């Protein structure tokens, strides 16, 4: 579980990055979840954009991804949200201690 201090730190890191996943009409697929797991291992943090033509709610999508990948949401703003999961082999982000 991320603390507020860690969440704020990750929010600052994510400010300049563009979304690497876009969720549209097709919704969230198993192959997309697999790709997200690979992205967590390579990047640890990324943004997801839910397109306007998607029938899914942004918060529902975020919760579903959290449940399927074991990641944590950092922030949700509009149709975008930021996810974080520590890499097992390529740890790049050092979270602040409380």
Protein backbone atom coordinates (compact mmCIF):
# COMPACT_ATOMS: atom_id res chain seq x y z
CA UNK A 1 0.00 0.00 0.00
CA UNK A 2 1.36 3.36 -1.00
CA UNK A 3 1.59 6.15 1.55
CA UNK A 4 0.53 9.70 0.70
CA UNK A 5 4.18 10.75 0.49
CA UNK A 6 4.97 7.95 -1.97
CA UNK A 7 1.82 8.63 -3.98
CA UNK A 8 2.75 12.33 -4.30
CA UNK A 9 6.28 11.38 -5.39
CA UNK A 10 4.92 9.03 -8.07
CA UNK A 11 2.42 11.67 -9.20
CA UNK A 12 5.33 14.08 -9.80
CA UNK A 13 7.23 11.42 -11.76
CA UNK A 14 4.22 10.70 -13.96
CA UNK A 15 3.57 14.33 -14.83
CA UNK A 16 5.58 14.34 -18.05
CA UNK A 17 4.76 10.89 -19.43
CA UNK A 18 2.18 10.14 -22.12
CA UNK A 19 -0.37 7.31 -21.89
CA UNK A 20 0.93 4.06 -23.36
CA UNK A 21 -2.38 2.18 -23.24
CA UNK A 22 -5.72 3.30 -24.66
CA UNK A 23 -8.92 1.53 -23.78
CA UNK A 24 -11.80 1.93 -26.22
CA UNK A 25 -14.87 0.05 -27.43
CA UNK A 26 -13.23 -3.35 -27.05
CA UNK A 27 -12.72 -2.79 -23.34
CA UNK A 28 -10.03 -4.46 -21.31
CA UNK A 29 -8.73 -7.70 -22.84
CA UNK A 30 -6.53 -10.48 -21.47
CA UNK A 31 -3.79 -9.62 -23.96
CA UNK A 32 -3.86 -6.02 -22.75
CA UNK A 33 -3.41 -7.23 -19.16
CA UNK A 34 -0.40 -9.31 -20.27
CA UNK A 35 1.09 -6.28 -22.02
CA UNK A 36 0.54 -4.19 -18.88
CA UNK A 37 2.39 -6.76 -16.78
CA UNK A 38 5.31 -6.54 -19.20
CA UNK A 39 5.17 -2.74 -19.08
CA UNK A 40 5.25 -2.80 -15.26
CA UNK A 41 8.37 -4.93 -15.39
CA UNK A 42 10.05 -2.54 -17.84
CA UNK A 43 8.80 0.85 -16.57
CA UNK A 44 7.13 0.39 -13.15
CA UNK A 45 4.85 3.38 -13.81
CA UNK A 46 2.66 4.38 -16.75
CA UNK A 47 -0.53 6.16 -17.76
CA UNK A 48 -3.68 4.67 -19.26
CA UNK A 49 -6.24 6.64 -21.28
CA UNK A 50 -9.89 5.59 -21.53
CA UNK A 51 -11.32 6.79 -24.83
CA UNK A 52 -14.67 8.57 -24.98
CA UNK A 53 -16.17 5.78 -27.11
CA UNK A 54 -15.53 3.26 -24.33
CA UNK A 55 -18.60 2.11 -22.46
CA UNK A 56 -16.51 1.57 -19.33
CA UNK A 57 -16.11 3.98 -16.43
CA UNK A 58 -12.55 5.15 -15.75
CA UNK A 59 -12.65 4.12 -12.08
CA UNK A 60 -14.07 0.69 -12.92
CA UNK A 61 -11.31 0.07 -15.47
CA UNK A 62 -8.66 1.20 -12.99
CA UNK A 63 -10.03 -1.10 -10.27
CA UNK A 64 -10.21 -4.05 -12.65
CA UNK A 65 -6.58 -3.55 -13.73
CA UNK A 66 -5.50 -3.28 -10.09
CA UNK A 67 -7.25 -6.56 -9.29
CA UNK A 68 -5.80 -8.43 -12.28
CA UNK A 69 -2.21 -7.14 -12.12
CA UNK A 70 -1.62 -6.39 -8.43
CA UNK A 71 -0.65 -2.79 -9.17
CA UNK A 72 -1.71 0.35 -7.33
CA UNK A 73 -3.35 3.45 -8.74
CA UNK A 74 -1.45 6.68 -8.21
CA UNK A 75 -4.01 9.16 -9.53
CA UNK A 76 -7.13 9.43 -11.65
CA UNK A 77 -7.72 12.66 -13.57
CA UNK A 78 -10.45 12.88 -16.17
CA UNK A 79 -10.10 9.95 -18.57
CA UNK A 80 -6.49 9.20 -17.60
CA UNK A 81 -5.03 7.32 -14.69
CA UNK A 82 -1.56 6.42 -13.49
CA UNK A 83 -0.59 2.94 -12.28
CA UNK A 84 2.47 1.75 -10.38
CA UNK A 85 3.88 -1.67 -9.62
CA UNK A 86 7.41 -2.35 -8.42
CA UNK A 87 9.50 -4.33 -10.88
CA UNK A 88 10.84 -7.65 -9.65
CA UNK A 89 14.04 -7.58 -11.73
CA UNK A 90 14.55 -4.03 -13.06
CA UNK A 91 13.77 -1.76 -10.12
CA UNK A 92 14.24 1.86 -11.25
CA UNK A 93 12.08 3.94 -8.90
CA UNK A 94 13.18 4.38 -5.32
CA UNK A 95 10.14 5.34 -3.25
CA UNK A 96 10.65 7.74 -0.32
CA UNK A 97 10.42 6.26 3.16
CA UNK A 98 8.06 7.75 5.70
